[in-house]
């Protein structure tokens, strides 16, 4: 599901990135 990114990431993307960083 690719949507136009307005400014920064979406809340879901932020949660995913934070989760990955937390695992690392």
PDB file of N, CA and C in Angstrom:
ATOM      1  N   UNK A   1       0.842  -1.201   0.000  1.00  0.00           N
ATOM      2  CA  UNK A   1       0.000   0.000   0.000  1.00  0.00           C
ATOM      3  C   UNK A   1       0.876   1.249   0.000  1.00  0.00           C
ATOM      4  N   UNK A   2       1.094   1.801  -1.183  1.00  0.00           N
ATOM      5  CA  UNK A   2       1.958   2.977  -1.278  1.00  0.00           C
ATOM      6  C   UNK A   2       1.107   4.230  -1.439  1.00  0.00           C
ATOM      7  N   UNK A   3       1.227   5.128  -0.489  1.00  0.00           N
ATOM      8  CA  UNK A   3       0.462   6.372  -0.563  1.00  0.00           C
ATOM      9  C   UNK A   3       1.416   7.553  -0.613  1.00  0.00           C
ATOM     10  N   UNK A   4       0.887   8.718  -1.008  1.00  0.00           N
ATOM     11  CA  UNK A   4       1.733   9.911  -1.091  1.00  0.00           C
ATOM     12  C   UNK A   4       2.094  10.400   0.305  1.00  0.00           C
ATOM     13  N   UNK A   5       3.380  10.521   0.548  1.00  0.00           N
ATOM     14  CA  UNK A   5       3.827  10.988   1.869  1.00  0.00           C
ATOM     15  C   UNK A   5       3.855  12.507   1.877  1.00  0.00           C
ATOM     16  N   UNK A   6       3.079  13.110   2.766  1.00  0.00           N
ATOM     17  CA  UNK A   6       3.029  14.577   2.814  1.00  0.00           C
ATOM     18  C   UNK A   6       4.253  15.131   3.534  1.00  0.00           C
ATOM     19  N   UNK A   7       4.326  14.905   4.823  1.00  0.00           N
ATOM     20  CA  UNK A   7       5.481  15.421   5.582  1.00  0.00           C
ATOM     21  C   UNK A   7       5.898  14.382   6.603  1.00  0.00           C
ATOM     22  N   UNK A   8       7.082  13.804   6.403  1.00  0.00           N
ATOM     23  CA  UNK A   8       7.549  12.785   7.332  1.00  0.00           C
ATOM     24  C   UNK A   8       6.881  11.452   7.051  1.00  0.00           C
ATOM     25  N   UNK A   9       6.842  10.598   8.085  1.00  0.00           N
ATOM     26  CA  UNK A   9       6.242   9.279   7.919  1.00  0.00           C
ATOM     27  C   UNK A   9       4.876   9.231   8.578  1.00  0.00           C
ATOM     28  N   UNK A  10       4.140   8.192   8.280  1.00  0.00           N
ATOM     29  CA  UNK A  10       2.833   8.019   8.916  1.00  0.00           C
ATOM     30  C   UNK A  10       3.030   7.384  10.287  1.00  0.00           C
ATOM     31  N   UNK A  11       1.999   7.398  11.099  1.00  0.00           N
ATOM     32  CA  UNK A  11       2.114   6.835  12.451  1.00  0.00           C
ATOM     33  C   UNK A  11       2.500   5.366  12.382  1.00  0.00           C
ATOM     34  N   UNK A  12       1.918   4.640  11.427  1.00  0.00           N
ATOM     35  CA  UNK A  12       2.234   3.214  11.304  1.00  0.00           C
ATOM     36  C   UNK A  12       3.698   3.018  10.951  1.00  0.00           C
ATOM     37  N   UNK A  13       4.199   3.817  10.025  1.00  0.00           N
ATOM     38  CA  UNK A  13       5.605   3.695   9.629  1.00  0.00           C
ATOM     39  C   UNK A  13       6.517   4.012  10.796  1.00  0.00           C
ATOM     40  N   UNK A  14       6.145   5.034  11.583  1.00  0.00           N
ATOM     41  CA  UNK A  14       6.960   5.396  12.746  1.00  0.00           C
ATOM     42  C   UNK A  14       6.999   4.241  13.731  1.00  0.00           C
ATOM     43  N   UNK A  15       5.838   3.606  13.959  1.00  0.00           N
ATOM     44  CA  UNK A  15       5.784   2.484  14.901  1.00  0.00           C
ATOM     45  C   UNK A  15       6.657   1.341  14.405  1.00  0.00           C
ATOM     46  N   UNK A  16       6.637   1.091  13.109  1.00  0.00           N
ATOM     47  CA  UNK A  16       7.449   0.008  12.549  1.00  0.00           C
ATOM     48  C   UNK A  16       8.929   0.299  12.725  1.00  0.00           C
ATOM     49  N   UNK A  17       9.334   1.527  12.428  1.00  0.00           N
ATOM     50  CA  UNK A  17      10.744   1.906  12.569  1.00  0.00           C
ATOM     51  C   UNK A  17      11.179   1.795  14.019  1.00  0.00           C
ATOM     52  N   UNK A  18      10.356   2.286  14.928  1.00  0.00           N
ATOM     53  CA  UNK A  18      10.683   2.217  16.356  1.00  0.00           C
ATOM     54  C   UNK A  18      10.798   0.768  16.797  1.00  0.00           C
ATOM     55  N   UNK A  19       9.908  -0.083  16.305  1.00  0.00           N
ATOM     56  CA  UNK A  19       9.944  -1.505  16.674  1.00  0.00           C
ATOM     57  C   UNK A  19      11.238  -2.143  16.186  1.00  0.00           C
ATOM     58  N   UNK A  20      11.640  -1.843  14.949  1.00  0.00           N
ATOM     59  CA  UNK A  20      12.878  -2.403  14.401  1.00  0.00           C
ATOM     60  C   UNK A  20      14.079  -1.933  15.207  1.00  0.00           C
ATOM     61  N   UNK A  21      14.118  -0.645  15.530  1.00  0.00           N
ATOM     62  CA  UNK A  21      15.229  -0.105  16.318  1.00  0.00           C
ATOM     63  C   UNK A  21      15.257  -0.751  17.697  1.00  0.00           C
ATOM     64  N   UNK A  22      14.076  -0.971  18.265  1.00  0.00           N
ATOM     65  CA  UNK A  22      14.003  -1.579  19.602  1.00  0.00           C
ATOM     66  C   UNK A  22      14.563  -2.999  19.562  1.00  0.00           C
ATOM     67  N   UNK A  23      14.268  -3.730  18.476  1.00  0.00           N
ATOM     68  CA  UNK A  23      14.766  -5.105  18.343  1.00  0.00           C
ATOM     69  C   UNK A  23      16.279  -5.101  18.178  1.00  0.00           C
ATOM     70  N   UNK A  24      16.775  -4.142  17.421  1.00  0.00           N
ATOM     71  CA  UNK A  24      18.220  -4.063  17.206  1.00  0.00           C
ATOM     72  C   UNK A  24      18.899  -3.620  18.488  1.00  0.00           C
TER      73      UNK A  24
END
